[in-house]
PDB file of N, CA and C in Angstrom:
ATOM      1  N   MET A   1     200.278 102.559 235.909  1.00  0.00           N
ATOM      2  CA  MET A   1     199.468 101.971 236.468  1.00  0.00           C
ATOM      3  C   MET A   1     199.192 100.716 236.425  1.00  0.00           C
ATOM      4  N   ASN A   2     198.391 100.085 237.428  1.00  0.00           N
ATOM      5  CA  ASN A   2     197.951  98.792 236.823  1.00  0.00           C
ATOM      6  C   ASN A   2     196.523  98.882 236.603  1.00  0.00           C
ATOM      7  N   VAL A   3     196.025  98.346 235.138  1.00  0.00           N
ATOM      8  CA  VAL A   3     195.075  98.740 234.267  1.00  0.00           C
ATOM      9  C   VAL A   3     194.459  97.295 234.064  1.00  0.00           C
ATOM     10  N   THR A   4     193.085  96.856 234.762  1.00  0.00           N
ATOM     11  CA  THR A   4     192.444  95.200 234.658  1.00  0.00           C
ATOM     12  C   THR A   4     191.203  95.684 233.831  1.00  0.00           C
ATOM     13  N   PHE A   5     190.175  94.500 233.687  1.00  0.00           N
ATOM     14  CA  PHE A   5     189.213  94.996 232.887  1.00  0.00           C
ATOM     15  C   PHE A   5     188.047  94.146 233.188  1.00  0.00           C
ATOM     16  N   LYS A   6     187.182  95.037 233.336  1.00  0.00           N
ATOM     17  CA  LYS A   6     185.792  93.917 234.131  1.00  0.00           C
ATOM     18  C   LYS A   6     185.518  92.629 233.419  1.00  0.00           C
ATOM     19  N   THR A   7     185.499  92.956 232.023  1.00  0.00           N
ATOM     20  CA  THR A   7     184.945  91.531 231.212  1.00  0.00           C
ATOM     21  C   THR A   7     186.450  91.354 230.044  1.00  0.00           C
ATOM     22  N   ASN A   8     185.974  90.326 229.761  1.00  0.00           N
ATOM     23  CA  ASN A   8     186.863  89.401 229.113  1.00  0.00           C
ATOM     24  C   ASN A   8     186.854  90.124 227.620  1.00  0.00           C
ATOM     25  N   LYS A   9     185.436  90.727 227.242  1.00  0.00           N
ATOM     26  CA  LYS A   9     185.587  91.059 225.830  1.00  0.00           C
ATOM     27  C   LYS A   9     186.307  92.329 225.886  1.00  0.00           C
ATOM     28  N   LEU A  10     186.391  93.388 226.708  1.00  0.00           N
ATOM     29  CA  LEU A  10     187.153  94.708 226.743  1.00  0.00           C
ATOM     30  C   LEU A  10     188.648  94.033 226.923  1.00  0.00           C
ATOM     31  N   LYS A  11     189.076  93.141 227.828  1.00  0.00           N
ATOM     32  CA  LYS A  11     190.240  92.695 227.944  1.00  0.00           C
ATOM     33  C   LYS A  11     191.257  92.608 226.488  1.00  0.00           C
ATOM     34  N   LYS A  12     189.960  91.788 225.609  1.00  0.00           N
ATOM     35  CA  LYS A  12     190.436  91.293 224.072  1.00  0.00           C
ATOM     36  C   LYS A  12     190.607  92.318 223.380  1.00  0.00           C
ATOM     37  N   LEU A  13     189.820  93.440 223.228  1.00  0.00           N
ATOM     38  CA  LEU A  13     189.165  94.308 222.346  1.00  0.00           C
ATOM     39  C   LEU A  13     190.690  95.331 222.537  1.00  0.00           C
ATOM     40  N   ALA A  14     191.319  95.531 224.188  1.00  0.00           N
ATOM     41  CA  ALA A  14     192.257  96.248 224.715  1.00  0.00           C
ATOM     42  C   ALA A  14     193.687  95.171 223.971  1.00  0.00           C
ATOM     43  N   ASN A  15     193.836  94.280 223.735  1.00  0.00           N
ATOM     44  CA  ASN A  15     195.052  93.039 223.266  1.00  0.00           C
ATOM     45  C   ASN A  15     195.100  92.882 221.606  1.00  0.00           C
ATOM     46  N   ASP A  16     193.920  93.427 221.067  1.00  0.00           N
ATOM     47  CA  ASP A  16     193.684  93.306 219.279  1.00  0.00           C
ATOM     48  C   ASP A  16     193.466  94.269 219.185  1.00  0.00           C
ATOM     49  N   TYR A  17     193.952  94.975 218.291  1.00  0.00           N
ATOM     50  CA  TYR A  17     193.999  96.246 217.849  1.00  0.00           C
ATOM     51  C   TYR A  17     192.964  96.419 216.344  1.00  0.00           C
ATOM     52  N   SER A  18     193.537  95.177 215.832  1.00  0.00           N
ATOM     53  CA  SER A  18     192.391  94.652 215.007  1.00  0.00           C
ATOM     54  C   SER A  18     190.970  94.338 214.974  1.00  0.00           C
ATOM     55  N   LYS A  19     190.814  93.697 215.918  1.00  0.00           N
ATOM     56  CA  LYS A  19     189.515  93.122 216.623  1.00  0.00           C
ATOM     57  C   LYS A  19     188.860  94.552 216.965  1.00  0.00           C
ATOM     58  N   CYS A  20     189.661  95.295 217.785  1.00  0.00           N
ATOM     59  CA  CYS A  20     188.700  96.498 218.218  1.00  0.00           C
ATOM     60  C   CYS A  20     188.834  97.574 217.261  1.00  0.00           C
ATOM     61  N   GLN A  21     189.518  97.343 216.310  1.00  0.00           N
ATOM     62  CA  GLN A  21     188.890  98.231 215.089  1.00  0.00           C
ATOM     63  C   GLN A  21     187.588  98.029 214.358  1.00  0.00           C
ATOM     64  N   ARG A  22     187.419  96.356 214.140  1.00  0.00           N
ATOM     65  CA  ARG A  22     186.442  95.924 213.431  1.00  0.00           C
ATOM     66  C   ARG A  22     185.269  95.811 214.470  1.00  0.00           C
ATOM     67  N   GLU A  23     185.391  95.924 215.672  1.00  0.00           N
ATOM     68  CA  GLU A  23     184.170  95.992 216.240  1.00  0.00           C
ATOM     69  C   GLU A  23     183.547  97.662 217.158  1.00  0.00           C
ATOM     70  N   MET A  24     184.592  98.428 216.922  1.00  0.00           N
ATOM     71  CA  MET A  24     184.369  99.812 217.688  1.00  0.00           C
ATOM     72  C   MET A  24     184.287 100.826 216.427  1.00  0.00           C
ATOM     73  N   GLY A  25     185.259 100.734 215.280  1.00  0.00           N
ATOM     74  CA  GLY A  25     185.098 101.442 213.951  1.00  0.00           C
ATOM     75  C   GLY A  25     186.730 101.844 214.476  1.00  0.00           C
ATOM     76  N   ALA A  26     187.561 102.464 213.412  1.00  0.00           N
ATOM     77  CA  ALA A  26     188.634 102.953 213.467  1.00  0.00           C
ATOM     78  C   ALA A  26     189.056 104.332 214.714  1.00  0.00           C
ATOM     79  N   ILE A  27     188.195 105.254 214.316  1.00  0.00           N
ATOM     80  CA  ILE A  27     188.268 106.013 215.433  1.00  0.00           C
ATOM     81  C   ILE A  27     188.057 105.727 216.952  1.00  0.00           C
ATOM     82  N   ARG A  28     186.906 104.965 217.223  1.00  0.00           N
ATOM     83  CA  ARG A  28     187.071 104.677 218.231  1.00  0.00           C
ATOM     84  C   ARG A  28     187.973 103.757 218.866  1.00  0.00           C
ATOM     85  N   ALA A  29     188.358 103.125 218.124  1.00  0.00           N
ATOM     86  CA  ALA A  29     189.491 102.211 218.653  1.00  0.00           C
ATOM     87  C   ALA A  29     191.255 102.893 218.969  1.00  0.00           C
ATOM     88  N   LYS A  30     190.750 104.101 217.869  1.00  0.00           N
ATOM     89  CA  LYS A  30     192.350 104.833 217.897  1.00  0.00           C
ATOM     90  C   LYS A  30     192.153 105.554 219.777  1.00  0.00           C
ATOM     91  N   TRP A  31     191.074 106.164 219.978  1.00  0.00           N
ATOM     92  CA  TRP A  31     191.049 106.895 221.291  1.00  0.00           C
ATOM     93  C   TRP A  31     190.996 105.881 222.427  1.00  0.00           C
ATOM     94  N   PHE A  32     190.394 104.886 222.376  1.00  0.00           N
ATOM     95  CA  PHE A  32     190.036 103.553 223.249  1.00  0.00           C
ATOM     96  C   PHE A  32     191.739 103.175 223.642  1.00  0.00           C
ATOM     97  N   GLN A  33     192.642 103.020 222.366  1.00  0.00           N
ATOM     98  CA  GLN A  33     193.878 102.505 222.907  1.00  0.00           C
ATOM     99  C   GLN A  33     194.715 103.638 223.242  1.00  0.00           C
ATOM    100  N   LYS A  34     194.405 104.850 222.758  1.00  0.00           N
ATOM    101  CA  LYS A  34     195.117 106.101 223.457  1.00  0.00           C
ATOM    102  C   LYS A  34     194.788 105.988 224.698  1.00  0.00           C
ATOM    103  N   ARG A  35     193.662 106.286 225.057  1.00  0.00           N
ATOM    104  CA  ARG A  35     193.494 106.127 226.731  1.00  0.00           C
ATOM    105  C   ARG A  35     194.047 105.282 227.493  1.00  0.00           C
ATOM    106  N   LEU A  36     193.474 104.288 226.864  1.00  0.00           N
ATOM    107  CA  LEU A  36     194.226 102.997 227.846  1.00  0.00           C
ATOM    108  C   LEU A  36     196.135 102.918 228.188  1.00  0.00           C
ATOM    109  N   ASN A  37     196.296 103.487 226.982  1.00  0.00           N
ATOM    110  CA  ASN A  37     198.236 103.679 227.038  1.00  0.00           C
ATOM    111  C   ASN A  37     198.105 104.696 228.314  1.00  0.00           C
ATOM    112  N   ASP A  38     197.702 105.887 228.133  1.00  0.00           N
ATOM    113  CA  ASP A  38     197.905 106.969 229.098  1.00  0.00           C
ATOM    114  C   ASP A  38     197.580 106.494 230.644  1.00  0.00           C
ATOM    115  N   LEU A  39     196.773 105.626 230.888  1.00  0.00           N
ATOM    116  CA  LEU A  39     196.619 105.222 232.123  1.00  0.00           C
ATOM    117  C   LEU A  39     197.704 104.308 232.725  1.00  0.00           C
ATOM    118  N   ILE A  40     197.920 103.467 231.686  1.00  0.00           N
ATOM    119  CA  ILE A  40     199.134 102.327 231.594  1.00  0.00           C
ATOM    120  C   ILE A  40     200.363 102.870 232.173  1.00  0.00           C
ATOM    121  N   ASP A  41     200.606 103.922 231.397  1.00  0.00           N
ATOM    122  CA  ASP A  41     201.899 105.042 231.163  1.00  0.00           C
ATOM    123  C   ASP A  41     202.164 105.499 232.912  1.00  0.00           C
ATOM    124  N   ALA A  42     200.517 106.091 233.222  1.00  0.00           N
ATOM    125  CA  ALA A  42     200.921 106.529 234.495  1.00  0.00           C
ATOM    126  C   ALA A  42     201.008 105.925 235.662  1.00  0.00           C
ATOM    127  N   GLU A  43     201.922 106.521 236.657  1.00  0.00           N
ATOM    128  CA  GLU A  43     201.891 105.911 237.826  1.00  0.00           C
ATOM    129  C   GLU A  43     200.804 106.227 238.901  1.00  0.00           C
ATOM    130  N   ILE A  44     200.173 107.046 238.778  1.00  0.00           N
ATOM    131  CA  ILE A  44     198.899 107.407 239.251  1.00  0.00           C
ATOM    132  C   ILE A  44     198.061 108.105 238.680  1.00  0.00           C
ATOM    133  N   LEU A  45     196.689 108.400 239.230  1.00  0.00           N
ATOM    134  CA  LEU A  45     195.347 108.882 238.579  1.00  0.00           C
ATOM    135  C   LEU A  45     195.854 110.282 238.376  1.00  0.00           C
ATOM    136  N   GLU A  46     196.405 110.870 239.351  1.00  0.00           N
ATOM    137  CA  GLU A  46     196.632 112.183 239.278  1.00  0.00           C
ATOM    138  C   GLU A  46     197.450 112.443 237.859  1.00  0.00           C
ATOM    139  N   ASP A  47     198.264 111.572 237.394  1.00  0.00           N
ATOM    140  CA  ASP A  47     199.171 111.882 235.946  1.00  0.00           C
ATOM    141  C   ASP A  47     198.308 111.889 235.184  1.00  0.00           C
ATOM    142  N   VAL A  48     197.076 111.699 234.722  1.00  0.00           N
ATOM    143  CA  VAL A  48     196.199 111.645 233.578  1.00  0.00           C
ATOM    144  C   VAL A  48     195.162 112.818 234.000  1.00  0.00           C
ATOM    145  N   ARG A  49     195.048 113.308 235.076  1.00  0.00           N
ATOM    146  CA  ARG A  49     194.081 114.652 235.439  1.00  0.00           C
ATOM    147  C   ARG A  49     193.770 115.630 234.406  1.00  0.00           C
ATOM    148  N   TYR A  50     195.365 115.858 233.974  1.00  0.00           N
ATOM    149  CA  TYR A  50     194.937 117.250 233.216  1.00  0.00           C
ATOM    150  C   TYR A  50     195.439 116.957 231.749  1.00  0.00           C
ATOM    151  N   LEU A  51     195.721 115.750 231.241  1.00  0.00           N
ATOM    152  CA  LEU A  51     196.245 115.394 229.947  1.00  0.00           C
ATOM    153  C   LEU A  51     194.658 115.337 228.980  1.00  0.00           C
ATOM    154  N   PRO A  52     195.166 115.710 227.802  1.00  0.00           N
ATOM    155  CA  PRO A  52     193.796 115.677 226.414  1.00  0.00           C
ATOM    156  C   PRO A  52     192.944 114.455 226.793  1.00  0.00           C
ATOM    157  N   GLY A  53     191.677 114.209 226.611  1.00  0.00           N
ATOM    158  CA  GLY A  53     190.596 113.460 227.514  1.00  0.00           C
ATOM    159  C   GLY A  53     190.121 113.654 228.354  1.00  0.00           C
ATOM    160  N   ASN A  54     189.992 114.794 229.102  1.00  0.00           N
ATOM    161  CA  ASN A  54     188.874 115.352 230.289  1.00  0.00           C
ATOM    162  C   ASN A  54     188.576 113.923 231.162  1.00  0.00           C
ATOM    163  N   TYR A  55     189.362 113.598 231.923  1.00  0.00           N
ATOM    164  CA  TYR A  55     189.615 112.755 232.955  1.00  0.00           C
ATOM    165  C   TYR A  55     188.747 112.943 234.061  1.00  0.00           C
ATOM    166  N   HIS A  56     187.681 112.714 234.741  1.00  0.00           N
ATOM    167  CA  HIS A  56     186.775 113.253 235.537  1.00  0.00           C
ATOM    168  C   HIS A  56     186.294 112.076 236.223  1.00  0.00           C
ATOM    169  N   GLU A  57     185.913 112.554 237.628  1.00  0.00           N
ATOM    170  CA  GLU A  57     184.695 112.157 238.203  1.00  0.00           C
ATOM    171  C   GLU A  57     183.441 111.695 238.166  1.00  0.00           C
ATOM    172  N   LEU A  58     182.771 110.679 238.479  1.00  0.00           N
ATOM    173  CA  LEU A  58     181.382 111.110 237.999  1.00  0.00           C
ATOM    174  C   LEU A  58     180.588 111.410 239.485  1.00  0.00           C
ATOM    175  N   THR A  59     179.245 111.414 238.879  1.00  0.00           N
ATOM    176  CA  THR A  59     178.425 111.865 240.548  1.00  0.00           C
ATOM    177  C   THR A  59     177.296 110.996 239.957  1.00  0.00           C
ATOM    178  N   GLY A  60     176.360 111.050 241.074  1.00  0.00           N
ATOM    179  CA  GLY A  60     174.807 110.607 240.768  1.00  0.00           C
ATOM    180  C   GLY A  60     175.183 109.354 241.153  1.00  0.00           C
ATOM    181  N   ASN A  61     174.235 108.407 240.181  1.00  0.00           N
ATOM    182  CA  ASN A  61     174.269 107.058 240.418  1.00  0.00           C
ATOM    183  C   ASN A  61     175.687 106.237 240.044  1.00  0.00           C
ATOM    184  N   ARG A  62     176.826 107.052 239.135  1.00  0.00           N
ATOM    185  CA  ARG A  62     178.121 106.756 238.793  1.00  0.00           C
ATOM    186  C   ARG A  62     178.854 107.017 239.628  1.00  0.00           C
ATOM    187  N   LYS A  63     178.400 107.393 241.064  1.00  0.00           N
ATOM    188  CA  LYS A  63     179.598 108.088 241.956  1.00  0.00           C
ATOM    189  C   LYS A  63     180.452 106.781 242.369  1.00  0.00           C
ATOM    190  N   GLY A  64     181.663 107.212 242.070  1.00  0.00           N
ATOM    191  CA  GLY A  64     182.724 105.955 242.413  1.00  0.00           C
ATOM    192  C   GLY A  64     183.594 105.829 241.110  1.00  0.00           C
ATOM    193  N   GLN A  65     182.998 106.004 239.958  1.00  0.00           N
ATOM    194  CA  GLN A  65     183.971 105.911 238.797  1.00  0.00           C
ATOM    195  C   GLN A  65     184.224 107.010 238.301  1.00  0.00           C
ATOM    196  N   TRP A  66     185.258 106.729 236.773  1.00  0.00           N
ATOM    197  CA  TRP A  66     185.816 107.868 235.993  1.00  0.00           C
ATOM    198  C   TRP A  66     185.350 107.627 235.145  1.00  0.00           C
ATOM    199  N   ALA A  67     185.485 108.925 233.965  1.00  0.00           N
ATOM    200  CA  ALA A  67     185.307 108.547 232.451  1.00  0.00           C
ATOM    201  C   ALA A  67     186.373 109.242 231.958  1.00  0.00           C
ATOM    202  N   CYS A  68     186.650 109.040 230.231  1.00  0.00           N
ATOM    203  CA  CYS A  68     187.434 110.033 229.662  1.00  0.00           C
ATOM    204  C   CYS A  68     186.753 109.837 228.376  1.00  0.00           C
ATOM    205  N   ASP A  69     186.765 110.851 227.680  1.00  0.00           N
ATOM    206  CA  ASP A  69     185.947 110.942 226.582  1.00  0.00           C
ATOM    207  C   ASP A  69     186.822 110.169 225.026  1.00  0.00           C
ATOM    208  N   LEU A  70     186.061 109.625 224.683  1.00  0.00           N
ATOM    209  CA  LEU A  70     186.664 108.709 223.173  1.00  0.00           C
ATOM    210  C   LEU A  70     186.353 109.509 222.156  1.00  0.00           C
ATOM    211  N   ASP A  71     185.436 108.909 221.326  1.00  0.00           N
ATOM    212  CA  ASP A  71     184.692 109.761 220.358  1.00  0.00           C
ATOM    213  C   ASP A  71     183.293 110.122 220.735  1.00  0.00           C
ATOM    214  N   GLN A  72     183.209 111.698 220.711  1.00  0.00           N
ATOM    215  CA  GLN A  72     181.831 112.023 220.998  1.00  0.00           C
ATOM    216  C   GLN A  72     180.859 111.176 220.337  1.00  0.00           C
ATOM    217  N   PRO A  73     179.558 110.953 221.473  1.00  0.00           N
ATOM    218  CA  PRO A  73     179.535 110.847 222.829  1.00  0.00           C
ATOM    219  C   PRO A  73     180.021 110.144 223.775  1.00  0.00           C
ATOM    220  N   TYR A  74     180.683 108.788 223.441  1.00  0.00           N
ATOM    221  CA  TYR A  74     181.585 107.899 223.848  1.00  0.00           C
ATOM    222  C   TYR A  74     182.384 108.096 224.656  1.00  0.00           C
ATOM    223  N   ARG A  75     182.521 107.615 226.242  1.00  0.00           N
ATOM    224  CA  ARG A  75     183.459 107.767 226.945  1.00  0.00           C
ATOM    225  C   ARG A  75     183.764 106.369 227.728  1.00  0.00           C
ATOM    226  N   LEU A  76     185.482 106.082 227.845  1.00  0.00           N
ATOM    227  CA  LEU A  76     185.576 105.171 228.658  1.00  0.00           C
ATOM    228  C   LEU A  76     185.594 105.310 230.259  1.00  0.00           C
ATOM    229  N   ILE A  77     185.057 104.285 230.586  1.00  0.00           N
ATOM    230  CA  ILE A  77     184.321 104.341 232.347  1.00  0.00           C
ATOM    231  C   ILE A  77     185.138 103.196 233.164  1.00  0.00           C
ATOM    232  N   PHE A  78     186.039 103.767 234.054  1.00  0.00           N
ATOM    233  CA  PHE A  78     186.809 103.397 235.278  1.00  0.00           C
ATOM    234  C   PHE A  78     186.557 103.339 236.346  1.00  0.00           C
ATOM    235  N   GLU A  79     187.120 102.366 237.584  1.00  0.00           N
ATOM    236  CA  GLU A  79     186.802 102.731 238.409  1.00  0.00           C
ATOM    237  C   GLU A  79     188.196 102.054 239.596  1.00  0.00           C
ATOM    238  N   PRO A  80     188.557 102.842 240.624  1.00  0.00           N
ATOM    239  CA  PRO A  80     189.715 102.719 240.952  1.00  0.00           C
ATOM    240  C   PRO A  80     189.690 101.281 241.591  1.00  0.00           C
ATOM    241  N   HIS A  81     190.963 100.623 241.856  1.00  0.00           N
ATOM    242  CA  HIS A  81     190.922  99.345 242.679  1.00  0.00           C
ATOM    243  C   HIS A  81     191.053  99.589 244.324  1.00  0.00           C
ATOM    244  N   GLU A  82     191.563 100.942 244.498  1.00  0.00           N
ATOM    245  CA  GLU A  82     191.432 100.867 245.695  1.00  0.00           C
ATOM    246  C   GLU A  82     190.143 101.285 246.517  1.00  0.00           C
ATOM    247  N   ASP A  83     189.722 100.535 247.870  1.00  0.00           N
ATOM    248  CA  ASP A  83     188.501 100.519 248.058  1.00  0.00           C
ATOM    249  C   ASP A  83     188.437 100.036 249.629  1.00  0.00           C
ATOM    250  N   PRO A  84     188.312 101.143 250.295  1.00  0.00           N
ATOM    251  CA  PRO A  84     187.571 102.103 249.771  1.00  0.00           C
ATOM    252  C   PRO A  84     188.398 103.468 248.914  1.00  0.00           C
ATOM    253  N   ILE A  85     187.791 104.110 248.131  1.00  0.00           N
ATOM    254  CA  ILE A  85     188.153 105.234 247.275  1.00  0.00           C
ATOM    255  C   ILE A  85     189.412 105.980 248.424  1.00  0.00           C
ATOM    256  N   PRO A  86     190.524 106.519 248.294  1.00  0.00           N
ATOM    257  CA  PRO A  86     190.995 107.340 249.393  1.00  0.00           C
ATOM    258  C   PRO A  86     190.759 108.556 249.113  1.00  0.00           C
ATOM    259  N   THR A  87     190.334 109.334 250.376  1.00  0.00           N
ATOM    260  CA  THR A  87     189.364 110.543 250.216  1.00  0.00           C
ATOM    261  C   THR A  87     190.604 111.367 251.471  1.00  0.00           C
ATOM    262  N   ASP A  88     190.502 112.791 251.176  1.00  0.00           N
ATOM    263  CA  ASP A  88     190.612 113.725 252.524  1.00  0.00           C
ATOM    264  C   ASP A  88     189.817 113.862 253.590  1.00  0.00           C
ATOM    265  N   GLU A  89     190.083 114.393 254.407  1.00  0.00           N
ATOM    266  CA  GLU A  89     188.845 114.853 255.476  1.00  0.00           C
ATOM    267  C   GLU A  89     187.553 115.415 255.287  1.00  0.00           C
ATOM    268  N   GLN A  90     187.283 116.256 254.032  1.00  0.00           N
ATOM    269  CA  GLN A  90     186.158 116.766 253.420  1.00  0.00           C
ATOM    270  C   GLN A  90     185.648 115.725 252.955  1.00  0.00           C
ATOM    271  N   GLY A  91     186.512 114.838 252.659  1.00  0.00           N
ATOM    272  CA  GLY A  91     185.813 113.547 251.399  1.00  0.00           C
ATOM    273  C   GLY A  91     185.849 114.128 249.706  1.00  0.00           C
ATOM    274  N   ILE A  92     187.086 114.396 249.749  1.00  0.00           N
ATOM    275  CA  ILE A  92     187.466 114.922 248.280  1.00  0.00           C
ATOM    276  C   ILE A  92     188.328 114.140 248.140  1.00  0.00           C
ATOM    277  N   VAL A  93     188.249 113.305 246.575  1.00  0.00           N
ATOM    278  CA  VAL A  93     188.778 111.542 246.016  1.00  0.00           C
ATOM    279  C   VAL A  93     190.362 112.738 246.155  1.00  0.00           C
ATOM    280  N   LEU A  94     191.280 111.344 246.375  1.00  0.00           N
ATOM    281  CA  LEU A  94     192.843 111.777 246.516  1.00  0.00           C
ATOM    282  C   LEU A  94     193.646 111.286 245.126  1.00  0.00           C
ATOM    283  N   TRP A  95     193.260 111.762 244.166  1.00  0.00           N
ATOM    284  CA  TRP A  95     193.652 110.958 242.802  1.00  0.00           C
ATOM    285  C   TRP A  95     195.363 110.610 242.789  1.00  0.00           C
ATOM    286  N   LEU A  96     195.910 111.717 244.140  1.00  0.00           N
ATOM    287  CA  LEU A  96     197.436 110.951 244.366  1.00  0.00           C
ATOM    288  C   LEU A  96     197.739 109.826 244.603  1.00  0.00           C
ATOM    289  N   GLU A  97     196.666 108.895 245.477  1.00  0.00           N
ATOM    290  CA  GLU A  97     196.450 107.997 246.331  1.00  0.00           C
ATOM    291  C   GLU A  97     195.789 106.695 245.266  1.00  0.00           C
ATOM    292  N   ILE A  98     195.560 106.477 244.329  1.00  0.00           N
ATOM    293  CA  ILE A  98     194.785 105.764 243.180  1.00  0.00           C
ATOM    294  C   ILE A  98     196.056 105.383 242.229  1.00  0.00           C
ATOM    295  N   LYS A  99     196.498 104.432 242.344  1.00  0.00           N
ATOM    296  CA  LYS A  99     197.480 103.191 241.626  1.00  0.00           C
ATOM    297  C   LYS A  99     197.209 102.209 240.805  1.00  0.00           C
ATOM    298  N   GLY A 100     195.686 102.263 240.194  1.00  0.00           N
ATOM    299  CA  GLY A 100     195.127 101.500 239.575  1.00  0.00           C
ATOM    300  C   GLY A 100     193.783 101.501 239.322  1.00  0.00           C
ATOM    301  N   VAL A 101     193.256 100.948 238.385  1.00  0.00           N
ATOM    302  CA  VAL A 101     191.942 100.921 237.803  1.00  0.00           C
ATOM    303  C   VAL A 101     191.567 100.020 236.902  1.00  0.00           C
ATOM    304  N   GLU A 102     189.991  99.929 237.100  1.00  0.00           N
ATOM    305  CA  GLU A 102     189.749  98.783 236.317  1.00  0.00           C
ATOM    306  C   GLU A 102     188.643  99.287 235.425  1.00  0.00           C
ATOM    307  N   VAL A 103     188.920  99.078 233.695  1.00  0.00           N
ATOM    308  CA  VAL A 103     188.269  99.267 233.126  1.00  0.00           C
ATOM    309  C   VAL A 103     186.976  98.744 232.771  1.00  0.00           C
ATOM    310  N   ILE A 104     185.520  99.334 233.186  1.00  0.00           N
ATOM    311  CA  ILE A 104     184.237  99.092 233.399  1.00  0.00           C
ATOM    312  C   ILE A 104     183.469  98.835 231.765  1.00  0.00           C
ATOM    313  N   GLU A 105     183.288  99.737 230.954  1.00  0.00           N
ATOM    314  CA  GLU A 105     182.614  99.548 230.352  1.00  0.00           C
ATOM    315  C   GLU A 105     182.767 101.066 229.077  1.00  0.00           C
ATOM    316  N   ILE A 106     182.763 101.295 227.709  1.00  0.00           N
ATOM    317  CA  ILE A 106     182.647 102.315 226.921  1.00  0.00           C
ATOM    318  C   ILE A 106     181.338 102.392 226.553  1.00  0.00           C
ATOM    319  N   VAL A 107     180.471 103.682 226.534  1.00  0.00           N
ATOM    320  CA  VAL A 107     179.267 103.880 226.719  1.00  0.00           C
ATOM    321  C   VAL A 107     179.162 105.733 226.566  1.00  0.00           C
ATOM    322  N   ASN A 108     177.895 105.657 225.615  1.00  0.00           N
ATOM    323  CA  ASN A 108     177.709 106.567 225.887  1.00  0.00           C
ATOM    324  C   ASN A 108     176.291 106.896 227.060  1.00  0.00           C
ATOM    325  N   TYR A 109     176.676 107.846 228.240  1.00  0.00           N
ATOM    326  CA  TYR A 109     176.097 107.552 229.438  1.00  0.00           C
ATOM    327  C   TYR A 109     175.266 108.913 229.251  1.00  0.00           C
ATOM    328  N   HIS A 110     175.206 109.404 228.357  1.00  0.00           N
ATOM    329  CA  HIS A 110     174.352 110.666 228.535  1.00  0.00           C
ATOM    330  C   HIS A 110     172.915 110.471 227.437  1.00  0.00           C
ATOM    331  N   LYS A 111     172.844 109.411 226.934  1.00  0.00           N
ATOM    332  CA  LYS A 111     171.696 109.336 225.955  1.00  0.00           C
ATOM    333  C   LYS A 111     170.641 109.025 226.708  1.00  0.00           C
ATOM    334  N   LYS A 112     169.175 109.363 226.280  1.00  0.00           N
ATOM    335  CA  LYS A 112     167.789 109.194 226.674  1.00  0.00           C
ATOM    336  C   LYS A 112     167.609 107.978 226.505  1.00  0.00           C
TER     337      LYS A 112
END
């Protein structure tokens, strides 16, 4: 799958594991690289849907974004390249038709 990055900082972290470890710590850097590799190796978003990492659609003010687990409580947040996001007649997102994503951020969105 085609994976792009919203910021140059995220792109640099993805491409420089040592820098990633220094900025995020060893555990988060490891999971960040693992999840990125899962996305890159996939042909479509459906290919990662049931992999470890709990890939899932977000709701509410994050509708249109997806998340997967890094080290708890941090998540890797991404959006499909497809615009509009493909859906069926009932409005259910078609994971089978998403062929690229943009990594938006790494965040703990559950914190108060």
